[in-house]
Amino acid sequence: MSTKMTRRTLLATGTASATLAALPVMAQETGTLYEVEIKNFKFNPKTLEVRPGDRIRWTNQDRAPHDAAALDETWRTPILTRGESGEVTVTADMSTDYFCSVHPSMRATLTIVSA
């Protein structure tokens, strides 16, 4: 019986340690997650108001590959095929005008407001 208690204690301690180790990661994700759909060769929404610390997730719903890239090339998602998503975390100084580098006529804008 003491062997079972030891195993239970070890299991409980290990689970608690794993949970505590994950807390800092969860605490860092306090910003809002915004979803942008890429469909019919357009970003939807075309304009988005965000704050530093927010995250933006672009999901490609087209058959063609797309990405989201700053006009000044300071940030970008990977090239996304249909059903794939890419994320960027908003910073106060990031470029706000972006486009699809595969299809440069696709453009959109972020408005970054103070926290």
PDB file of N, CA and C in Angstrom:
ATOM      1  N   MET A   1       0.820  -1.189   0.000  1.00  0.00           N
ATOM      2  CA  MET A   1       0.000   0.000   0.000  1.00  0.00           C
ATOM      3  C   MET A   1       0.868   1.258   0.000  1.00  0.00           C
ATOM      4  N   SER A   2       1.974   1.236   0.693  1.00  0.00           N
ATOM      5  CA  SER A   2       2.835   2.417   0.699  1.00  0.00           C
ATOM      6  C   SER A   2       3.443   2.654  -0.671  1.00  0.00           C
ATOM      7  N   THR A   3       3.625   1.587  -1.465  1.00  0.00           N
ATOM      8  CA  THR A   3       4.124   1.754  -2.830  1.00  0.00           C
ATOM      9  C   THR A   3       3.112   2.519  -3.667  1.00  0.00           C
ATOM     10  N   LYS A   4       1.818   2.216  -3.530  1.00  0.00           N
ATOM     11  CA  LYS A   4       0.780   2.930  -4.260  1.00  0.00           C
ATOM     12  C   LYS A   4       0.729   4.389  -3.832  1.00  0.00           C
ATOM     13  N   MET A   5       0.864   4.654  -2.548  1.00  0.00           N
ATOM     14  CA  MET A   5       0.856   6.036  -2.064  1.00  0.00           C
ATOM     15  C   MET A   5       2.039   6.800  -2.647  1.00  0.00           C
ATOM     16  N   THR A   6       3.166   6.163  -2.722  1.00  0.00           N
ATOM     17  CA  THR A   6       4.357   6.809  -3.264  1.00  0.00           C
ATOM     18  C   THR A   6       4.144   7.129  -4.737  1.00  0.00           C
ATOM     19  N   ARG A   7       3.598   6.187  -5.474  1.00  0.00           N
ATOM     20  CA  ARG A   7       3.324   6.431  -6.896  1.00  0.00           C
ATOM     21  C   ARG A   7       2.308   7.555  -7.065  1.00  0.00           C
ATOM     22  N   ARG A   8       1.261   7.552  -6.263  1.00  0.00           N
ATOM     23  CA  ARG A   8       0.252   8.607  -6.326  1.00  0.00           C
ATOM     24  C   ARG A   8       0.866   9.960  -5.988  1.00  0.00           C
ATOM     25  N   THR A   9       1.686   9.960  -4.951  1.00  0.00           N
ATOM     26  CA  THR A   9       2.331  11.208  -4.543  1.00  0.00           C
ATOM     27  C   THR A   9       3.236  11.725  -5.654  1.00  0.00           C
ATOM     28  N   LEU A  10       4.031  10.829  -6.237  1.00  0.00           N
ATOM     29  CA  LEU A  10       4.906  11.230  -7.343  1.00  0.00           C
ATOM     30  C   LEU A  10       4.106  11.728  -8.530  1.00  0.00           C
ATOM     31  N   LEU A  11       3.038  11.034  -8.853  1.00  0.00           N
ATOM     32  CA  LEU A  11       2.196  11.446  -9.973  1.00  0.00           C
ATOM     33  C   LEU A  11       1.590  12.818  -9.699  1.00  0.00           C
ATOM     34  N   ALA A  12       1.063  13.029  -8.507  1.00  0.00           N
ATOM     35  CA  ALA A  12       0.465  14.313  -8.150  1.00  0.00           C
ATOM     36  C   ALA A  12       1.503  15.422  -8.175  1.00  0.00           C
ATOM     37  N   THR A  13       2.685  15.143  -7.661  1.00  0.00           N
ATOM     38  CA  THR A  13       3.756  16.143  -7.658  1.00  0.00           C
ATOM     39  C   THR A  13       4.185  16.470  -9.084  1.00  0.00           C
ATOM     40  N   GLY A  14       4.327  15.452  -9.910  1.00  0.00           N
ATOM     41  CA  GLY A  14       4.707  15.669 -11.312  1.00  0.00           C
ATOM     42  C   GLY A  14       3.669  16.468 -12.067  1.00  0.00           C
ATOM     43  N   THR A  15       2.393  16.175 -11.833  1.00  0.00           N
ATOM     44  CA  THR A  15       1.315  16.912 -12.484  1.00  0.00           C
ATOM     45  C   THR A  15       1.300  18.362 -12.033  1.00  0.00           C
ATOM     46  N   ALA A  16       1.481  18.586 -10.734  1.00  0.00           N
ATOM     47  CA  ALA A  16       1.507  19.953 -10.222  1.00  0.00           C
ATOM     48  C   ALA A  16       2.685  20.719 -10.795  1.00  0.00           C
ATOM     49  N   SER A  17       3.832  20.085 -10.906  1.00  0.00           N
ATOM     50  CA  SER A  17       5.013  20.753 -11.473  1.00  0.00           C
ATOM     51  C   SER A  17       4.785  21.115 -12.935  1.00  0.00           C
ATOM     52  N   ALA A  18       4.192  20.210 -13.686  1.00  0.00           N
ATOM     53  CA  ALA A  18       3.925  20.485 -15.099  1.00  0.00           C
ATOM     54  C   ALA A  18       2.939  21.630 -15.238  1.00  0.00           C
ATOM     55  N   THR A  19       1.928  21.675 -14.389  1.00  0.00           N
ATOM     56  CA  THR A  19       0.950  22.756 -14.428  1.00  0.00           C
ATOM     57  C   THR A  19       1.598  24.081 -14.093  1.00  0.00           C
ATOM     58  N   LEU A  20       2.414  24.119 -13.049  1.00  0.00           N
ATOM     59  CA  LEU A  20       3.090  25.355 -12.667  1.00  0.00           C
ATOM     60  C   LEU A  20       4.053  25.823 -13.740  1.00  0.00           C
ATOM     61  N   ALA A  21       4.714  24.903 -14.395  1.00  0.00           N
ATOM     62  CA  ALA A  21       5.649  25.276 -15.452  1.00  0.00           C
ATOM     63  C   ALA A  21       4.923  25.933 -16.617  1.00  0.00           C
ATOM     64  N   ALA A  22       3.665  25.601 -16.845  1.00  0.00           N
ATOM     65  CA  ALA A  22       2.907  26.163 -17.961  1.00  0.00           C
ATOM     66  C   ALA A  22       2.311  27.529 -17.640  1.00  0.00           C
ATOM     67  N   LEU A  23       2.203  27.887 -16.372  1.00  0.00           N
ATOM     68  CA  LEU A  23       1.554  29.141 -16.000  1.00  0.00           C
ATOM     69  C   LEU A  23       2.187  30.378 -16.614  1.00  0.00           C
ATOM     70  N   PRO A  24       3.509  30.554 -16.615  1.00  0.00           N
ATOM     71  CA  PRO A  24       4.072  31.766 -17.212  1.00  0.00           C
ATOM     72  C   PRO A  24       3.719  31.921 -18.691  1.00  0.00           C
ATOM     73  N   VAL A  25       3.649  30.831 -19.417  1.00  0.00           N
ATOM     74  CA  VAL A  25       3.299  30.900 -20.837  1.00  0.00           C
ATOM     75  C   VAL A  25       1.864  31.378 -20.985  1.00  0.00           C
ATOM     76  N   MET A  26       0.964  30.848 -20.182  1.00  0.00           N
ATOM     77  CA  MET A  26      -0.435  31.255 -20.265  1.00  0.00           C
ATOM     78  C   MET A  26      -0.589  32.712 -19.836  1.00  0.00           C
ATOM     79  N   ALA A  27       0.135  33.145 -18.844  1.00  0.00           N
ATOM     80  CA  ALA A  27       0.024  34.515 -18.357  1.00  0.00           C
ATOM     81  C   ALA A  27       0.491  35.529 -19.394  1.00  0.00           C
ATOM     82  N   GLN A  28       1.424  35.140 -20.262  1.00  0.00           N
ATOM     83  CA  GLN A  28       1.932  36.049 -21.277  1.00  0.00           C
ATOM     84  C   GLN A  28       0.912  36.315 -22.377  1.00  0.00           C
ATOM     85  N   GLU A  29      -0.022  35.428 -22.576  1.00  0.00           N
ATOM     86  CA  GLU A  29      -1.002  35.564 -23.650  1.00  0.00           C
ATOM     87  C   GLU A  29      -2.228  36.311 -23.147  1.00  0.00           C
ATOM     88  N   THR A  30      -2.054  37.598 -22.825  1.00  0.00           N
ATOM     89  CA  THR A  30      -3.166  38.369 -22.284  1.00  0.00           C
ATOM     90  C   THR A  30      -3.870  39.200 -23.341  1.00  0.00           C
ATOM     91  N   GLY A  31      -3.237  39.412 -24.506  1.00  0.00           N
ATOM     92  CA  GLY A  31      -3.846  40.215 -25.558  1.00  0.00           C
ATOM     93  C   GLY A  31      -5.004  39.493 -26.222  1.00  0.00           C
ATOM     94  N   THR A  32      -5.740  40.246 -27.005  1.00  0.00           N
ATOM     95  CA  THR A  32      -6.874  39.705 -27.755  1.00  0.00           C
ATOM     96  C   THR A  32      -6.376  39.051 -29.034  1.00  0.00           C
ATOM     97  N   LEU A  33      -6.996  37.956 -29.415  1.00  0.00           N
ATOM     98  CA  LEU A  33      -6.685  37.291 -30.678  1.00  0.00           C
ATOM     99  C   LEU A  33      -7.704  37.740 -31.712  1.00  0.00           C
ATOM    100  N   TYR A  34      -7.230  38.330 -32.807  1.00  0.00           N
ATOM    101  CA  TYR A  34      -8.086  38.759 -33.910  1.00  0.00           C
ATOM    102  C   TYR A  34      -7.901  37.813 -35.083  1.00  0.00           C
ATOM    103  N   GLU A  35      -8.993  37.483 -35.731  1.00  0.00           N
ATOM    104  CA  GLU A  35      -8.968  36.583 -36.881  1.00  0.00           C
ATOM    105  C   GLU A  35      -9.169  37.385 -38.160  1.00  0.00           C
ATOM    106  N   VAL A  36      -8.308  37.155 -39.130  1.00  0.00           N
ATOM    107  CA  VAL A  36      -8.459  37.759 -40.457  1.00  0.00           C
ATOM    108  C   VAL A  36      -8.575  36.614 -41.452  1.00  0.00           C
ATOM    109  N   GLU A  37      -9.637  36.626 -42.214  1.00  0.00           N
ATOM    110  CA  GLU A  37      -9.862  35.600 -43.229  1.00  0.00           C
ATOM    111  C   GLU A  37      -9.300  36.084 -44.563  1.00  0.00           C
ATOM    112  N   ILE A  38      -8.606  35.195 -45.237  1.00  0.00           N
ATOM    113  CA  ILE A  38      -8.136  35.478 -46.598  1.00  0.00           C
ATOM    114  C   ILE A  38      -9.028  34.656 -47.526  1.00  0.00           C
ATOM    115  N   LYS A  39      -9.852  35.370 -48.289  1.00  0.00           N
ATOM    116  CA  LYS A  39     -10.824  34.681 -49.152  1.00  0.00           C
ATOM    117  C   LYS A  39     -11.123  35.565 -50.347  1.00  0.00           C
ATOM    118  N   ASN A  40     -11.262  34.946 -51.512  1.00  0.00           N
ATOM    119  CA  ASN A  40     -11.544  35.672 -52.757  1.00  0.00           C
ATOM    120  C   ASN A  40     -10.506  36.774 -53.011  1.00  0.00           C
ATOM    121  N   PHE A  41      -9.241  36.446 -52.678  1.00  0.00           N
ATOM    122  CA  PHE A  41      -8.119  37.363 -52.892  1.00  0.00           C
ATOM    123  C   PHE A  41      -8.310  38.692 -52.154  1.00  0.00           C
ATOM    124  N   LYS A  42      -8.875  38.600 -50.925  1.00  0.00           N
ATOM    125  CA  LYS A  42      -9.070  39.776 -50.082  1.00  0.00           C
ATOM    126  C   LYS A  42      -8.806  39.401 -48.632  1.00  0.00           C
ATOM    127  N   PHE A  43      -8.352  40.395 -47.855  1.00  0.00           N
ATOM    128  CA  PHE A  43      -8.244  40.258 -46.407  1.00  0.00           C
ATOM    129  C   PHE A  43      -9.562  40.747 -45.808  1.00  0.00           C
ATOM    130  N   ASN A  44     -10.148  39.964 -44.925  1.00  0.00           N
ATOM    131  CA  ASN A  44     -11.403  40.349 -44.297  1.00  0.00           C
ATOM    132  C   ASN A  44     -11.283  40.186 -42.791  1.00  0.00           C
ATOM    133  N   PRO A  45     -11.313  41.270 -42.013  1.00  0.00           N
ATOM    134  CA  PRO A  45     -11.582  42.642 -42.422  1.00  0.00           C
ATOM    135  C   PRO A  45     -10.368  43.298 -43.078  1.00  0.00           C
ATOM    136  N   LYS A  46     -10.654  44.321 -43.862  1.00  0.00           N
ATOM    137  CA  LYS A  46      -9.599  45.046 -44.572  1.00  0.00           C
ATOM    138  C   LYS A  46      -8.863  46.019 -43.650  1.00  0.00           C
ATOM    139  N   THR A  47      -9.551  46.519 -42.632  1.00  0.00           N
ATOM    140  CA  THR A  47      -8.926  47.367 -41.613  1.00  0.00           C
ATOM    141  C   THR A  47      -9.227  46.739 -40.252  1.00  0.00           C
ATOM    142  N   LEU A  48      -8.256  46.855 -39.354  1.00  0.00           N
ATOM    143  CA  LEU A  48      -8.395  46.231 -38.048  1.00  0.00           C
ATOM    144  C   LEU A  48      -7.726  47.109 -36.998  1.00  0.00           C
ATOM    145  N   GLU A  49      -8.444  47.405 -35.916  1.00  0.00           N
ATOM    146  CA  GLU A  49      -7.898  48.194 -34.812  1.00  0.00           C
ATOM    147  C   GLU A  49      -7.401  47.237 -33.731  1.00  0.00           C
ATOM    148  N   VAL A  50      -6.124  47.356 -33.385  1.00  0.00           N
ATOM    149  CA  VAL A  50      -5.478  46.443 -32.441  1.00  0.00           C
ATOM    150  C   VAL A  50      -4.640  47.228 -31.434  1.00  0.00           C
ATOM    151  N   ARG A  51      -4.210  46.547 -30.392  1.00  0.00           N
ATOM    152  CA  ARG A  51      -3.349  47.132 -29.360  1.00  0.00           C
ATOM    153  C   ARG A  51      -2.059  46.315 -29.257  1.00  0.00           C
ATOM    154  N   PRO A  52      -0.976  46.929 -28.795  1.00  0.00           N
ATOM    155  CA  PRO A  52       0.252  46.161 -28.560  1.00  0.00           C
ATOM    156  C   PRO A  52      -0.031  44.974 -27.635  1.00  0.00           C
ATOM    157  N   GLY A  53       0.499  43.832 -27.974  1.00  0.00           N
ATOM    158  CA  GLY A  53       0.250  42.606 -27.212  1.00  0.00           C
ATOM    159  C   GLY A  53      -0.855  41.754 -27.786  1.00  0.00           C
ATOM    160  N   ASP A  54      -1.723  42.329 -28.629  1.00  0.00           N
ATOM    161  CA  ASP A  54      -2.746  41.533 -29.309  1.00  0.00           C
ATOM    162  C   ASP A  54      -2.068  40.634 -30.342  1.00  0.00           C
ATOM    163  N   ARG A  55      -2.789  39.603 -30.732  1.00  0.00           N
ATOM    164  CA  ARG A  55      -2.304  38.707 -31.779  1.00  0.00           C
ATOM    165  C   ARG A  55      -3.283  38.737 -32.945  1.00  0.00           C
ATOM    166  N   ILE A  56      -2.737  38.614 -34.135  1.00  0.00           N
ATOM    167  CA  ILE A  56      -3.570  38.561 -35.340  1.00  0.00           C
ATOM    168  C   ILE A  56      -3.281  37.238 -36.025  1.00  0.00           C
ATOM    169  N   ARG A  57      -4.344  36.507 -36.333  1.00  0.00           N
ATOM    170  CA  ARG A  57      -4.204  35.227 -37.025  1.00  0.00           C
ATOM    171  C   ARG A  57      -4.882  35.338 -38.393  1.00  0.00           C
ATOM    172  N   TRP A  58      -4.100  35.132 -39.449  1.00  0.00           N
ATOM    173  CA  TRP A  58      -4.608  35.111 -40.814  1.00  0.00           C
ATOM    174  C   TRP A  58      -4.815  33.653 -41.202  1.00  0.00           C
ATOM    175  N   THR A  59      -6.001  33.351 -41.750  1.00  0.00           N
ATOM    176  CA  THR A  59      -6.297  31.996 -42.213  1.00  0.00           C
ATOM    177  C   THR A  59      -6.680  32.062 -43.684  1.00  0.00           C
ATOM    178  N   ASN A  60      -5.987  31.272 -44.485  1.00  0.00           N
ATOM    179  CA  ASN A  60      -6.218  31.253 -45.927  1.00  0.00           C
ATOM    180  C   ASN A  60      -7.380  30.323 -46.260  1.00  0.00           C
ATOM    181  N   GLN A  61      -8.426  30.872 -46.875  1.00  0.00           N
ATOM    182  CA  GLN A  61      -9.575  30.093 -47.323  1.00  0.00           C
ATOM    183  C   GLN A  61      -9.612  29.958 -48.846  1.00  0.00           C
ATOM    184  N   ASP A  62      -8.598  30.496 -49.517  1.00  0.00           N
ATOM    185  CA  ASP A  62      -8.511  30.405 -50.981  1.00  0.00           C
ATOM    186  C   ASP A  62      -7.747  29.159 -51.413  1.00  0.00           C
ATOM    187  N   ARG A  63      -7.907  28.806 -52.673  1.00  0.00           N
ATOM    188  CA  ARG A  63      -7.104  27.712 -53.237  1.00  0.00           C
ATOM    189  C   ARG A  63      -5.679  28.165 -53.515  1.00  0.00           C
ATOM    190  N   ALA A  64      -5.504  29.447 -53.774  1.00  0.00           N
ATOM    191  CA  ALA A  64      -4.182  30.004 -54.063  1.00  0.00           C
ATOM    192  C   ALA A  64      -3.416  30.250 -52.757  1.00  0.00           C
ATOM    193  N   PRO A  65      -2.099  30.183 -52.800  1.00  0.00           N
ATOM    194  CA  PRO A  65      -1.315  30.495 -51.600  1.00  0.00           C
ATOM    195  C   PRO A  65      -1.302  32.001 -51.339  1.00  0.00           C
ATOM    196  N   HIS A  66      -1.242  32.380 -50.061  1.00  0.00           N
ATOM    197  CA  HIS A  66      -1.202  33.783 -49.659  1.00  0.00           C
ATOM    198  C   HIS A  66      -0.338  33.916 -48.412  1.00  0.00           C
ATOM    199  N   ASP A  67       0.043  35.144 -48.109  1.00  0.00           N
ATOM    200  CA  ASP A  67       0.647  35.484 -46.831  1.00  0.00           C
ATOM    201  C   ASP A  67       0.169  36.872 -46.445  1.00  0.00           C
ATOM    202  N   ALA A  68       0.596  37.339 -45.297  1.00  0.00           N
ATOM    203  CA  ALA A  68       0.378  38.727 -44.877  1.00  0.00           C
ATOM    204  C   ALA A  68       1.762  39.252 -44.546  1.00  0.00           C
ATOM    205  N   ALA A  69       2.163  40.348 -45.199  1.00  0.00           N
ATOM    206  CA  ALA A  69       3.512  40.881 -45.031  1.00  0.00           C
ATOM    207  C   ALA A  69       3.468  42.401 -44.961  1.00  0.00           C
ATOM    208  N   ALA A  70       4.237  42.969 -44.037  1.00  0.00           N
ATOM    209  CA  ALA A  70       4.328  44.422 -43.932  1.00  0.00           C
ATOM    210  C   ALA A  70       4.921  44.988 -45.214  1.00  0.00           C
ATOM    211  N   LEU A  71       4.417  46.136 -45.634  1.00  0.00           N
ATOM    212  CA  LEU A  71       4.968  46.770 -46.845  1.00  0.00           C
ATOM    213  C   LEU A  71       6.458  47.041 -46.701  1.00  0.00           C
ATOM    214  N   ASP A  72       6.915  47.357 -45.481  1.00  0.00           N
ATOM    215  CA  ASP A  72       8.341  47.618 -45.278  1.00  0.00           C
ATOM    216  C   ASP A  72       9.128  46.334 -44.959  1.00  0.00           C
ATOM    217  N   GLU A  73       8.472  45.189 -45.048  1.00  0.00           N
ATOM    218  CA  GLU A  73       9.065  43.860 -44.864  1.00  0.00           C
ATOM    219  C   GLU A  73       9.600  43.596 -43.456  1.00  0.00           C
ATOM    220  N   THR A  74       9.078  44.298 -42.438  1.00  0.00           N
ATOM    221  CA  THR A  74       9.547  44.092 -41.068  1.00  0.00           C
ATOM    222  C   THR A  74       8.865  42.912 -40.381  1.00  0.00           C
ATOM    223  N   TRP A  75       7.741  42.445 -40.905  1.00  0.00           N
ATOM    224  CA  TRP A  75       7.070  41.262 -40.374  1.00  0.00           C
ATOM    225  C   TRP A  75       6.303  40.583 -41.503  1.00  0.00           C
ATOM    226  N   ARG A  76       6.055  39.297 -41.310  1.00  0.00           N
ATOM    227  CA  ARG A  76       5.258  38.532 -42.291  1.00  0.00           C
ATOM    228  C   ARG A  76       4.871  37.183 -41.707  1.00  0.00           C
ATOM    229  N   THR A  77       3.818  36.631 -42.272  1.00  0.00           N
ATOM    230  CA  THR A  77       3.452  35.248 -41.957  1.00  0.00           C
ATOM    231  C   THR A  77       4.158  34.364 -42.987  1.00  0.00           C
ATOM    232  N   PRO A  78       4.189  33.078 -42.750  1.00  0.00           N
ATOM    233  CA  PRO A  78       4.663  32.184 -43.815  1.00  0.00           C
ATOM    234  C   PRO A  78       3.659  32.194 -44.975  1.00  0.00           C
ATOM    235  N   ILE A  79       4.067  31.681 -46.119  1.00  0.00           N
ATOM    236  CA  ILE A  79       3.117  31.461 -47.215  1.00  0.00           C
ATOM    237  C   ILE A  79       2.133  30.399 -46.732  1.00  0.00           C
ATOM    238  N   LEU A  80       0.857  30.702 -46.843  1.00  0.00           N
ATOM    239  CA  LEU A  80      -0.191  29.826 -46.323  1.00  0.00           C
ATOM    240  C   LEU A  80      -0.969  29.181 -47.466  1.00  0.00           C
ATOM    241  N   THR A  81      -1.116  27.871 -47.414  1.00  0.00           N
ATOM    242  CA  THR A  81      -1.984  27.191 -48.367  1.00  0.00           C
ATOM    243  C   THR A  81      -3.376  27.107 -47.743  1.00  0.00           C
ATOM    244  N   ARG A  82      -4.332  26.645 -48.528  1.00  0.00           N
ATOM    245  CA  ARG A  82      -5.725  26.601 -48.067  1.00  0.00           C
ATOM    246  C   ARG A  82      -5.839  25.885 -46.721  1.00  0.00           C
ATOM    247  N   GLY A  83      -6.505  26.558 -45.773  1.00  0.00           N
ATOM    248  CA  GLY A  83      -6.728  25.994 -44.448  1.00  0.00           C
ATOM    249  C   GLY A  83      -5.614  26.294 -43.448  1.00  0.00           C
ATOM    250  N   GLU A  84      -4.485  26.796 -43.896  1.00  0.00           N
ATOM    251  CA  GLU A  84      -3.388  27.111 -42.989  1.00  0.00           C
ATOM    252  C   GLU A  84      -3.533  28.512 -42.405  1.00  0.00           C
ATOM    253  N   SER A  85      -2.941  28.697 -41.218  1.00  0.00           N
ATOM    254  CA  SER A  85      -2.981  29.986 -40.527  1.00  0.00           C
ATOM    255  C   SER A  85      -1.580  30.419 -40.133  1.00  0.00           C
ATOM    256  N   GLY A  86      -1.407  31.722 -40.001  1.00  0.00           N
ATOM    257  CA  GLY A  86      -0.163  32.294 -39.510  1.00  0.00           C
ATOM    258  C   GLY A  86      -0.497  33.443 -38.582  1.00  0.00           C
ATOM    259  N   GLU A  87       0.329  33.630 -37.552  1.00  0.00           N
ATOM    260  CA  GLU A  87       0.070  34.654 -36.529  1.00  0.00           C
ATOM    261  C   GLU A  87       1.212  35.631 -36.384  1.00  0.00           C
ATOM    262  N   VAL A  88       0.867  36.843 -35.973  1.00  0.00           N
ATOM    263  CA  VAL A  88       1.828  37.885 -35.639  1.00  0.00           C
ATOM    264  C   VAL A  88       1.333  38.544 -34.352  1.00  0.00           C
ATOM    265  N   THR A  89       2.266  38.852 -33.443  1.00  0.00           N
ATOM    266  CA  THR A  89       1.937  39.597 -32.231  1.00  0.00           C
ATOM    267  C   THR A  89       2.185  41.075 -32.497  1.00  0.00           C
ATOM    268  N   VAL A  90       1.227  41.901 -32.141  1.00  0.00           N
ATOM    269  CA  VAL A  90       1.285  43.340 -32.397  1.00  0.00           C
ATOM    270  C   VAL A  90       2.283  43.999 -31.447  1.00  0.00           C
ATOM    271  N   THR A  91       3.125  44.873 -32.006  1.00  0.00           N
ATOM    272  CA  THR A  91       4.016  45.718 -31.218  1.00  0.00           C
ATOM    273  C   THR A  91       3.663  47.172 -31.520  1.00  0.00           C
ATOM    274  N   ALA A  92       4.008  48.065 -30.610  1.00  0.00           N
ATOM    275  CA  ALA A  92       3.647  49.479 -30.758  1.00  0.00           C
ATOM    276  C   ALA A  92       4.261  50.109 -31.999  1.00  0.00           C
ATOM    277  N   ASP A  93       5.423  49.632 -32.395  1.00  0.00           N
ATOM    278  CA  ASP A  93       6.142  50.265 -33.508  1.00  0.00           C
ATOM    279  C   ASP A  93       6.079  49.481 -34.820  1.00  0.00           C
ATOM    280  N   MET A  94       5.231  48.480 -34.902  1.00  0.00           N
ATOM    281  CA  MET A  94       5.205  47.679 -36.132  1.00  0.00           C
ATOM    282  C   MET A  94       4.525  48.423 -37.276  1.00  0.00           C
ATOM    283  N   SER A  95       4.938  48.081 -38.471  1.00  0.00           N
ATOM    284  CA  SER A  95       4.354  48.670 -39.673  1.00  0.00           C
ATOM    285  C   SER A  95       2.893  48.253 -39.776  1.00  0.00           C
ATOM    286  N   THR A  96       2.029  49.168 -40.203  1.00  0.00           N
ATOM    287  CA  THR A  96       0.589  48.899 -40.183  1.00  0.00           C
ATOM    288  C   THR A  96      -0.018  48.594 -41.551  1.00  0.00           C
ATOM    289  N   ASP A  97       0.668  48.945 -42.615  1.00  0.00           N
ATOM    290  CA  ASP A  97       0.153  48.629 -43.951  1.00  0.00           C
ATOM    291  C   ASP A  97       0.743  47.295 -44.384  1.00  0.00           C
ATOM    292  N   TYR A  98      -0.126  46.402 -44.847  1.00  0.00           N
ATOM    293  CA  TYR A  98       0.372  45.096 -45.266  1.00  0.00           C
ATOM    294  C   TYR A  98      -0.293  44.631 -46.553  1.00  0.00           C
ATOM    295  N   PHE A  99       0.283  43.583 -47.125  1.00  0.00           N
ATOM    296  CA  PHE A  99      -0.183  43.053 -48.397  1.00  0.00           C
ATOM    297  C   PHE A  99       0.148  41.568 -48.464  1.00  0.00           C
ATOM    298  N   CYS A 100      -0.275  40.934 -49.546  1.00  0.00           N
ATOM    299  CA  CYS A 100       0.100  39.554 -49.841  1.00  0.00           C
ATOM    300  C   CYS A 100       1.279  39.624 -50.804  1.00  0.00           C
ATOM    301  N   SER A 101       2.413  39.078 -50.420  1.00  0.00           N
ATOM    302  CA  SER A 101       3.594  39.160 -51.279  1.00  0.00           C
ATOM    303  C   SER A 101       3.450  38.309 -52.542  1.00  0.00           C
ATOM    304  N   VAL A 102       2.535  37.353 -52.518  1.00  0.00           N
ATOM    305  CA  VAL A 102       2.280  36.522 -53.706  1.00  0.00           C
ATOM    306  C   VAL A 102       1.361  37.266 -54.671  1.00  0.00           C
ATOM    307  N   HIS A 103       0.447  38.052 -54.133  1.00  0.00           N
ATOM    308  CA  HIS A 103      -0.531  38.813 -54.917  1.00  0.00           C
ATOM    309  C   HIS A 103      -0.518  40.258 -54.408  1.00  0.00           C
ATOM    310  N   PRO A 104       0.434  41.079 -54.839  1.00  0.00           N
ATOM    311  CA  PRO A 104       0.647  42.414 -54.277  1.00  0.00           C
ATOM    312  C   PRO A 104      -0.538  43.372 -54.333  1.00  0.00           C
ATOM    313  N   SER A 105      -1.535  43.095 -55.150  1.00  0.00           N
ATOM    314  CA  SER A 105      -2.703  43.983 -55.172  1.00  0.00           C
ATOM    315  C   SER A 105      -3.592  43.771 -53.941  1.00  0.00           C
ATOM    316  N   MET A 106      -3.398  42.695 -53.210  1.00  0.00           N
ATOM    317  CA  MET A 106      -4.150  42.444 -51.981  1.00  0.00           C
ATOM    318  C   MET A 106      -3.516  43.272 -50.863  1.00  0.00           C
ATOM    319  N   ARG A 107      -4.272  44.227 -50.327  1.00  0.00           N
ATOM    320  CA  ARG A 107      -3.736  45.124 -49.288  1.00  0.00           C
ATOM    321  C   ARG A 107      -4.738  45.324 -48.175  1.00  0.00           C
ATOM    322  N   ALA A 108      -4.200  45.634 -46.988  1.00  0.00           N
ATOM    323  CA  ALA A 108      -5.041  45.928 -45.824  1.00  0.00           C
ATOM    324  C   ALA A 108      -4.233  46.770 -44.842  1.00  0.00           C
ATOM    325  N   THR A 109      -4.917  47.225 -43.785  1.00  0.00           N
ATOM    326  CA  THR A 109      -4.288  48.139 -42.839  1.00  0.00           C
ATOM    327  C   THR A 109      -4.646  47.781 -41.404  1.00  0.00           C
ATOM    328  N   LEU A 110      -3.658  47.955 -40.532  1.00  0.00           N
ATOM    329  CA  LEU A 110      -3.863  47.850 -39.093  1.00  0.00           C
ATOM    330  C   LEU A 110      -3.829  49.243 -38.499  1.00  0.00           C
ATOM    331  N   THR A 111      -4.640  49.501 -37.499  1.00  0.00           N
ATOM    332  CA  THR A 111      -4.560  50.728 -36.720  1.00  0.00           C
ATOM    333  C   THR A 111      -4.168  50.301 -35.317  1.00  0.00           C
ATOM    334  N   ILE A 112      -3.005  50.781 -34.858  1.00  0.00           N
ATOM    335  CA  ILE A 112      -2.533  50.411 -33.533  1.00  0.00           C
ATOM    336  C   ILE A 112      -2.858  51.544 -32.563  1.00  0.00           C
ATOM    337  N   VAL A 113      -3.643  51.223 -31.532  1.00  0.00           N
ATOM    338  CA  VAL A 113      -4.018  52.212 -30.531  1.00  0.00           C
ATOM    339  C   VAL A 113      -3.256  51.931 -29.247  1.00  0.00           C
ATOM    340  N   SER A 114      -3.069  52.956 -28.432  1.00  0.00           N
ATOM    341  CA  SER A 114      -2.335  52.812 -27.159  1.00  0.00           C
ATOM    342  C   SER A 114      -3.067  51.861 -26.234  1.00  0.00           C
ATOM    343  N   ALA A 115      -2.289  51.182 -25.424  1.00  0.00           N
ATOM    344  CA  ALA A 115      -2.851  50.201 -24.481  1.00  0.00           C
ATOM    345  C   ALA A 115      -3.581  50.837 -23.342  1.00  0.00           C
TER     346      ALA A 115
END
